[in-house]
PDB file of all heavy atoms in Angstrom:
ATOM      1  N   LEU A   1      -0.211   8.105  21.740  1.00  0.00           N
ATOM      2  CA  LEU A   1      -0.753   8.736  20.536  1.00  0.00           C
ATOM      3  C   LEU A   1       0.089   8.388  19.305  1.00  0.00           C
ATOM      4  O   LEU A   1      -0.433   8.162  18.218  1.00  0.00           O
ATOM      5  CB  LEU A   1      -0.820  10.257  20.730  1.00  0.00           C
ATOM      6  CG  LEU A   1      -1.867  10.732  21.751  1.00  0.00           C
ATOM      7  CD1 LEU A   1      -1.742  12.227  21.978  1.00  0.00           C
ATOM      8  CD2 LEU A   1      -3.265  10.372  21.284  1.00  0.00           C
ATOM      9  N   TYR A   2       1.402   8.328  19.490  1.00  0.00           N
ATOM     10  CA  TYR A   2       2.281   7.947  18.385  1.00  0.00           C
ATOM     11  C   TYR A   2       1.999   6.524  17.919  1.00  0.00           C
ATOM     12  O   TYR A   2       1.826   6.251  16.738  1.00  0.00           O
ATOM     13  CB  TYR A   2       3.748   8.090  18.802  1.00  0.00           C
ATOM     14  CG  TYR A   2       4.710   7.516  17.787  1.00  0.00           C
ATOM     15  CD1 TYR A   2       4.980   8.194  16.599  1.00  0.00           C
ATOM     16  CD2 TYR A   2       5.325   6.279  17.986  1.00  0.00           C
ATOM     17  CE1 TYR A   2       5.852   7.666  15.668  1.00  0.00           C
ATOM     18  CE2 TYR A   2       6.188   5.758  17.053  1.00  0.00           C
ATOM     19  CZ  TYR A   2       6.454   6.453  15.900  1.00  0.00           C
ATOM     20  OH  TYR A   2       7.307   5.931  14.961  1.00  0.00           O
ATOM     21  N   LEU A   3       1.914   5.599  18.877  1.00  0.00           N
ATOM     22  CA  LEU A   3       1.650   4.196  18.523  1.00  0.00           C
ATOM     23  C   LEU A   3       0.269   4.031  17.913  1.00  0.00           C
ATOM     24  O   LEU A   3       0.073   3.240  16.983  1.00  0.00           O
ATOM     25  CB  LEU A   3       1.807   3.298  19.755  1.00  0.00           C
ATOM     26  CG  LEU A   3       3.235   3.169  20.300  1.00  0.00           C
ATOM     27  CD1 LEU A   3       3.232   2.361  21.594  1.00  0.00           C
ATOM     28  CD2 LEU A   3       4.142   2.532  19.279  1.00  0.00           C
ATOM     29  N   ALA A   4      -0.699   4.761  18.404  1.00  0.00           N
ATOM     30  CA  ALA A   4      -2.054   4.664  17.853  1.00  0.00           C
ATOM     31  C   ALA A   4      -2.114   5.169  16.420  1.00  0.00           C
ATOM     32  O   ALA A   4      -2.949   4.729  15.634  1.00  0.00           O
ATOM     33  CB  ALA A   4      -3.027   5.446  18.733  1.00  0.00           C
ATOM     34  N   SER A   5      -1.216   6.096  16.074  1.00  0.00           N
ATOM     35  CA  SER A   5      -1.236   6.648  14.720  1.00  0.00           C
ATOM     36  C   SER A   5      -0.431   5.816  13.726  1.00  0.00           C
ATOM     37  O   SER A   5      -0.494   6.038  12.527  1.00  0.00           O
ATOM     38  CB  SER A   5      -0.695   8.079  14.727  1.00  0.00           C
ATOM     39  OG  SER A   5       0.702   8.068  14.986  1.00  0.00           O
ATOM     40  N   LEU A   6       0.342   4.833  14.205  1.00  0.00           N
ATOM     41  CA  LEU A   6       1.198   4.053  13.311  1.00  0.00           C
ATOM     42  C   LEU A   6       0.454   3.374  12.169  1.00  0.00           C
ATOM     43  O   LEU A   6       0.900   3.431  11.029  1.00  0.00           O
ATOM     44  CB  LEU A   6       1.997   3.023  14.103  1.00  0.00           C
ATOM     45  CG  LEU A   6       3.297   3.532  14.724  1.00  0.00           C
ATOM     46  CD1 LEU A   6       4.000   2.398  15.446  1.00  0.00           C
ATOM     47  CD2 LEU A   6       4.207   4.140  13.683  1.00  0.00           C
ATOM     48  N   PRO A   7      -0.675   2.684  12.381  1.00  0.00           N
ATOM     49  CA  PRO A   7      -1.350   2.041  11.247  1.00  0.00           C
ATOM     50  C   PRO A   7      -1.683   3.024  10.132  1.00  0.00           C
ATOM     51  O   PRO A   7      -1.599   2.709   8.968  1.00  0.00           O
ATOM     52  CB  PRO A   7      -2.607   1.446  11.872  1.00  0.00           C
ATOM     53  CG  PRO A   7      -2.251   1.251  13.311  1.00  0.00           C
ATOM     54  CD  PRO A   7      -1.328   2.385  13.642  1.00  0.00           C
ATOM     55  N   GLN A   8      -2.058   4.264  10.511  1.00  0.00           N
ATOM     56  CA  GLN A   8      -2.375   5.251   9.483  1.00  0.00           C
ATOM     57  C   GLN A   8      -1.106   5.772   8.826  1.00  0.00           C
ATOM     58  O   GLN A   8      -1.078   6.024   7.636  1.00  0.00           O
ATOM     59  CB  GLN A   8      -3.154   6.396  10.116  1.00  0.00           C
ATOM     60  CG  GLN A   8      -4.504   5.921  10.635  1.00  0.00           C
ATOM     61  CD  GLN A   8      -5.131   6.910  11.595  1.00  0.00           C
ATOM     62  OE1 GLN A   8      -4.455   7.801  12.088  1.00  0.00           O
ATOM     63  NE2 GLN A   8      -6.403   6.745  11.850  1.00  0.00           N
ATOM     64  N   VAL A   9      -0.029   5.909   9.600  1.00  0.00           N
ATOM     65  CA  VAL A   9       1.225   6.401   9.044  1.00  0.00           C
ATOM     66  C   VAL A   9       1.820   5.390   8.073  1.00  0.00           C
ATOM     67  O   VAL A   9       2.312   5.731   7.009  1.00  0.00           O
ATOM     68  CB  VAL A   9       2.224   6.708  10.180  1.00  0.00           C
ATOM     69  CG1 VAL A   9       3.601   7.013   9.624  1.00  0.00           C
ATOM     70  CG2 VAL A   9       1.724   7.881  11.005  1.00  0.00           C
ATOM     71  N   LEU A  10       1.749   4.095   8.441  1.00  0.00           N
ATOM     72  CA  LEU A  10       2.381   3.058   7.631  1.00  0.00           C
ATOM     73  C   LEU A  10       1.491   2.492   6.539  1.00  0.00           C
ATOM     74  O   LEU A  10       1.953   1.763   5.686  1.00  0.00           O
ATOM     75  CB  LEU A  10       2.846   1.915   8.546  1.00  0.00           C
ATOM     76  CG  LEU A  10       3.885   2.309   9.596  1.00  0.00           C
ATOM     77  CD1 LEU A  10       4.211   1.120  10.474  1.00  0.00           C
ATOM     78  CD2 LEU A  10       5.128   2.861   8.946  1.00  0.00           C
ATOM     79  N   SER A  11       0.198   2.784   6.567  1.00  0.00           N
ATOM     80  CA  SER A  11      -0.688   2.208   5.553  1.00  0.00           C
ATOM     81  C   SER A  11      -0.406   2.844   4.203  1.00  0.00           C
ATOM     82  O   SER A  11       0.029   3.990   4.108  1.00  0.00           O
ATOM     83  CB  SER A  11      -2.147   2.423   5.932  1.00  0.00           C
ATOM     84  OG  SER A  11      -2.440   3.800   5.966  1.00  0.00           O
ATOM     85  N   GLN A  12      -0.681   2.077   3.133  1.00  0.00           N
ATOM     86  CA  GLN A  12      -0.422   2.569   1.794  1.00  0.00           C
ATOM     87  C   GLN A  12      -1.670   3.233   1.248  1.00  0.00           C
ATOM     88  O   GLN A  12      -2.781   2.814   1.529  1.00  0.00           O
ATOM     89  CB  GLN A  12      -0.015   1.409   0.881  1.00  0.00           C
ATOM     90  CG  GLN A  12       1.277   0.759   1.304  1.00  0.00           C
ATOM     91  CD  GLN A  12       1.649  -0.377   0.390  1.00  0.00           C
ATOM     92  OE1 GLN A  12       0.985  -0.631  -0.596  1.00  0.00           O
ATOM     93  NE2 GLN A  12       2.723  -1.061   0.703  1.00  0.00           N
ATOM     94  N   PRO A  13      -1.500   4.269   0.459  1.00  0.00           N
ATOM     95  CA  PRO A  13      -2.664   4.933  -0.125  1.00  0.00           C
ATOM     96  C   PRO A  13      -3.355   4.028  -1.132  1.00  0.00           C
ATOM     97  O   PRO A  13      -2.764   3.097  -1.657  1.00  0.00           O
ATOM     98  CB  PRO A  13      -2.058   6.168  -0.808  1.00  0.00           C
ATOM     99  CG  PRO A  13      -0.638   5.802  -1.071  1.00  0.00           C
ATOM    100  CD  PRO A  13      -0.250   4.875   0.044  1.00  0.00           C
ATOM    101  N   ALA A  14      -4.623   4.328  -1.397  1.00  0.00           N
ATOM    102  CA  ALA A  14      -5.394   3.512  -2.333  1.00  0.00           C
ATOM    103  C   ALA A  14      -4.779   3.554  -3.725  1.00  0.00           C
ATOM    104  O   ALA A  14      -4.748   2.568  -4.435  1.00  0.00           O
ATOM    105  CB  ALA A  14      -6.835   4.011  -2.381  1.00  0.00           C
ATOM    106  N   THR A  15      -4.299   4.716  -4.134  1.00  0.00           N
ATOM    107  CA  THR A  15      -3.638   4.835  -5.425  1.00  0.00           C
ATOM    108  C   THR A  15      -2.156   5.040  -5.176  1.00  0.00           C
ATOM    109  O   THR A  15      -1.755   6.037  -4.595  1.00  0.00           O
ATOM    110  CB  THR A  15      -4.205   6.023  -6.224  1.00  0.00           C
ATOM    111  OG1 THR A  15      -5.608   5.841  -6.352  1.00  0.00           O
ATOM    112  CG2 THR A  15      -3.562   6.098  -7.594  1.00  0.00           C
ATOM    113  N   ARG A  16      -1.359   4.080  -5.630  1.00  0.00           N
ATOM    114  CA  ARG A  16       0.070   4.126  -5.369  1.00  0.00           C
ATOM    115  C   ARG A  16       0.828   4.713  -6.547  1.00  0.00           C
ATOM    116  O   ARG A  16       0.343   4.729  -7.660  1.00  0.00           O
ATOM    117  CB  ARG A  16       0.587   2.721  -5.060  1.00  0.00           C
ATOM    118  CG  ARG A  16       0.099   2.240  -3.726  1.00  0.00           C
ATOM    119  CD  ARG A  16       0.612   0.873  -3.476  1.00  0.00           C
ATOM    120  NE  ARG A  16      -0.469  -0.050  -3.759  1.00  0.00           N
ATOM    121  CZ  ARG A  16      -0.333  -1.352  -3.746  1.00  0.00           C
ATOM    122  NH1 ARG A  16       0.826  -1.876  -3.497  1.00  0.00           N
ATOM    123  NH2 ARG A  16      -1.340  -2.118  -3.988  1.00  0.00           N
ATOM    124  N   ASP A  17       2.037   5.144  -6.277  1.00  0.00           N
ATOM    125  CA  ASP A  17       2.905   5.678  -7.308  1.00  0.00           C
ATOM    126  C   ASP A  17       3.328   4.541  -8.233  1.00  0.00           C
ATOM    127  O   ASP A  17       4.009   3.617  -7.807  1.00  0.00           O
ATOM    128  CB  ASP A  17       4.119   6.326  -6.646  1.00  0.00           C
ATOM    129  CG  ASP A  17       5.054   6.947  -7.684  1.00  0.00           C
ATOM    130  OD1 ASP A  17       4.778   6.858  -8.898  1.00  0.00           O
ATOM    131  OD2 ASP A  17       6.058   7.514  -7.253  1.00  0.00           O
ATOM    132  N   LYS A  18       2.936   4.605  -9.489  1.00  0.00           N
ATOM    133  CA  LYS A  18       3.216   3.518 -10.429  1.00  0.00           C
ATOM    134  C   LYS A  18       4.681   3.475 -10.868  1.00  0.00           C
ATOM    135  O   LYS A  18       5.097   2.579 -11.567  1.00  0.00           O
ATOM    136  CB  LYS A  18       2.302   3.627 -11.640  1.00  0.00           C
ATOM    137  CG  LYS A  18       0.862   3.349 -11.259  1.00  0.00           C
ATOM    138  CD  LYS A  18      -0.063   3.547 -12.427  1.00  0.00           C
ATOM    139  CE  LYS A  18      -1.492   3.223 -12.089  1.00  0.00           C
ATOM    140  NZ  LYS A  18      -1.996   3.762 -10.863  1.00  0.00           N
ATOM    141  N   ASN A  19       5.467   4.479 -10.458  1.00  0.00           N
ATOM    142  CA  ASN A  19       6.893   4.469 -10.772  1.00  0.00           C
ATOM    143  C   ASN A  19       7.704   3.726  -9.729  1.00  0.00           C
ATOM    144  O   ASN A  19       8.911   3.603  -9.851  1.00  0.00           O
ATOM    145  CB  ASN A  19       7.417   5.898 -10.897  1.00  0.00           C
ATOM    146  CG  ASN A  19       6.812   6.607 -12.088  1.00  0.00           C
ATOM    147  OD1 ASN A  19       6.688   6.021 -13.155  1.00  0.00           O
ATOM    148  ND2 ASN A  19       6.410   7.845 -11.901  1.00  0.00           N
ATOM    149  N   LYS A  20       7.048   3.219  -8.693  1.00  0.00           N
ATOM    150  CA  LYS A  20       7.730   2.473  -7.642  1.00  0.00           C
ATOM    151  C   LYS A  20       7.386   1.004  -7.753  1.00  0.00           C
ATOM    152  O   LYS A  20       6.306   0.644  -8.218  1.00  0.00           O
ATOM    153  CB  LYS A  20       7.325   2.997  -6.260  1.00  0.00           C
ATOM    154  CG  LYS A  20       7.776   4.425  -6.030  1.00  0.00           C
ATOM    155  CD  LYS A  20       7.379   4.895  -4.661  1.00  0.00           C
ATOM    156  CE  LYS A  20       7.829   6.328  -4.422  1.00  0.00           C
ATOM    157  NZ  LYS A  20       7.360   6.847  -3.140  1.00  0.00           N
ATOM    158  N   ASN A  21       8.284   0.156  -7.296  1.00  0.00           N
ATOM    159  CA  ASN A  21       8.061  -1.288  -7.351  1.00  0.00           C
ATOM    160  C   ASN A  21       7.041  -1.713  -6.315  1.00  0.00           C
ATOM    161  O   ASN A  21       7.006  -1.202  -5.205  1.00  0.00           O
ATOM    162  CB  ASN A  21       9.362  -2.046  -7.096  1.00  0.00           C
ATOM    163  CG  ASN A  21      10.302  -1.951  -8.274  1.00  0.00           C
ATOM    164  OD1 ASN A  21       9.843  -1.804  -9.396  1.00  0.00           O
ATOM    165  ND2 ASN A  21      11.582  -2.013  -8.025  1.00  0.00           N
ATOM    166  N   HIS A  22       6.208  -2.671  -6.675  1.00  0.00           N
ATOM    167  CA  HIS A  22       5.256  -3.293  -5.765  1.00  0.00           C
ATOM    168  C   HIS A  22       5.324  -4.793  -5.996  1.00  0.00           C
ATOM    169  O   HIS A  22       5.804  -5.250  -7.024  1.00  0.00           O
ATOM    170  CB  HIS A  22       3.827  -2.796  -6.021  1.00  0.00           C
ATOM    171  CG  HIS A  22       3.677  -1.319  -5.907  1.00  0.00           C
ATOM    172  ND1 HIS A  22       3.781  -0.653  -4.719  1.00  0.00           N
ATOM    173  CD2 HIS A  22       3.465  -0.366  -6.854  1.00  0.00           C
ATOM    174  CE1 HIS A  22       3.598   0.647  -4.926  1.00  0.00           C
ATOM    175  NE2 HIS A  22       3.418   0.840  -6.211  1.00  0.00           N
ATOM    176  N   ASP A  23       4.825  -5.570  -5.051  1.00  0.00           N
ATOM    177  CA  ASP A  23       4.764  -7.012  -5.263  1.00  0.00           C
ATOM    178  C   ASP A  23       3.943  -7.282  -6.509  1.00  0.00           C
ATOM    179  O   ASP A  23       2.861  -6.720  -6.674  1.00  0.00           O
ATOM    180  CB  ASP A  23       4.125  -7.710  -4.060  1.00  0.00           C
ATOM    181  CG  ASP A  23       4.997  -7.581  -2.832  1.00  0.00           C
ATOM    182  OD1 ASP A  23       6.216  -7.429  -2.997  1.00  0.00           O
ATOM    183  OD2 ASP A  23       4.455  -7.619  -1.718  1.00  0.00           O
ATOM    184  N   PRO A  24       4.405  -8.155  -7.401  1.00  0.00           N
ATOM    185  CA  PRO A  24       3.699  -8.346  -8.668  1.00  0.00           C
ATOM    186  C   PRO A  24       2.396  -9.114  -8.496  1.00  0.00           C
ATOM    187  O   PRO A  24       2.300 -10.029  -7.700  1.00  0.00           O
ATOM    188  CB  PRO A  24       4.698  -9.160  -9.498  1.00  0.00           C
ATOM    189  CG  PRO A  24       5.523  -9.864  -8.490  1.00  0.00           C
ATOM    190  CD  PRO A  24       5.626  -8.952  -7.309  1.00  0.00           C
ATOM    191  N   MET A  25       1.384  -8.698  -9.228  1.00  0.00           N
ATOM    192  CA  MET A  25       0.141  -9.449  -9.317  1.00  0.00           C
ATOM    193  C   MET A  25       0.118 -10.064 -10.706  1.00  0.00           C
ATOM    194  O   MET A  25      -0.036  -9.363 -11.697  1.00  0.00           O
ATOM    195  CB  MET A  25      -1.065  -8.525  -9.118  1.00  0.00           C
ATOM    196  CG  MET A  25      -2.403  -9.241  -9.233  1.00  0.00           C
ATOM    197  SD  MET A  25      -3.781  -8.089  -9.141  1.00  0.00           S
ATOM    198  CE  MET A  25      -3.641  -7.531  -7.470  1.00  0.00           C
ATOM    199  N   VAL A  26       0.343 -11.346 -10.778  1.00  0.00           N
ATOM    200  CA  VAL A  26       0.475 -11.995 -12.070  1.00  0.00           C
ATOM    201  C   VAL A  26      -0.871 -12.077 -12.778  1.00  0.00           C
ATOM    202  O   VAL A  26      -1.006 -11.782 -13.949  1.00  0.00           O
ATOM    203  CB  VAL A  26       1.090 -13.400 -11.910  1.00  0.00           C
ATOM    204  CG1 VAL A  26       1.149 -14.109 -13.239  1.00  0.00           C
ATOM    205  CG2 VAL A  26       2.475 -13.281 -11.315  1.00  0.00           C
ATOM    206  N   MET A  27      -1.915 -12.465 -12.062  1.00  0.00           N
ATOM    207  CA  MET A  27      -3.224 -12.592 -12.683  1.00  0.00           C
ATOM    208  C   MET A  27      -4.304 -12.475 -11.627  1.00  0.00           C
ATOM    209  O   MET A  27      -4.131 -12.907 -10.498  1.00  0.00           O
ATOM    210  CB  MET A  27      -3.350 -13.949 -13.401  1.00  0.00           C
ATOM    211  CG  MET A  27      -4.629 -14.096 -14.209  1.00  0.00           C
ATOM    212  SD  MET A  27      -4.611 -15.564 -15.245  1.00  0.00           S
ATOM    213  CE  MET A  27      -3.445 -15.065 -16.482  1.00  0.00           C
ATOM    214  N   VAL A  28      -5.408 -11.883 -11.980  1.00  0.00           N
ATOM    215  CA  VAL A  28      -6.554 -11.803 -11.080  1.00  0.00           C
ATOM    216  C   VAL A  28      -7.751 -12.404 -11.801  1.00  0.00           C
ATOM    217  O   VAL A  28      -7.796 -12.414 -13.024  1.00  0.00           O
ATOM    218  CB  VAL A  28      -6.860 -10.347 -10.662  1.00  0.00           C
ATOM    219  CG1 VAL A  28      -5.731  -9.769  -9.838  1.00  0.00           C
ATOM    220  CG2 VAL A  28      -7.131  -9.471 -11.863  1.00  0.00           C
ATOM    221  N   PRO A  29      -8.757 -12.944 -11.066  1.00  0.00           N
ATOM    222  CA  PRO A  29      -9.932 -13.511 -11.725  1.00  0.00           C
ATOM    223  C   PRO A  29     -10.605 -12.483 -12.628  1.00  0.00           C
ATOM    224  O   PRO A  29     -10.764 -11.321 -12.261  1.00  0.00           O
ATOM    225  CB  PRO A  29     -10.837 -13.904 -10.547  1.00  0.00           C
ATOM    226  CG  PRO A  29      -9.897 -14.090  -9.402  1.00  0.00           C
ATOM    227  CD  PRO A  29      -8.795 -13.090  -9.617  1.00  0.00           C
ATOM    228  N   GLY A  30     -10.978 -12.907 -13.815  1.00  0.00           N
ATOM    229  CA  GLY A  30     -11.661 -12.028 -14.756  1.00  0.00           C
ATOM    230  C   GLY A  30     -10.723 -11.230 -15.645  1.00  0.00           C
ATOM    231  O   GLY A  30     -11.162 -10.493 -16.517  1.00  0.00           O
TER     232      GLY A  30
END
């Protein structure tokens, strides 16, 4: 049960804390 729950535990929320560093996205189409 612990291992099965890992993807949900480690996944990032759709809206992240903007005060924390993330990999930079330099440019996206459009």
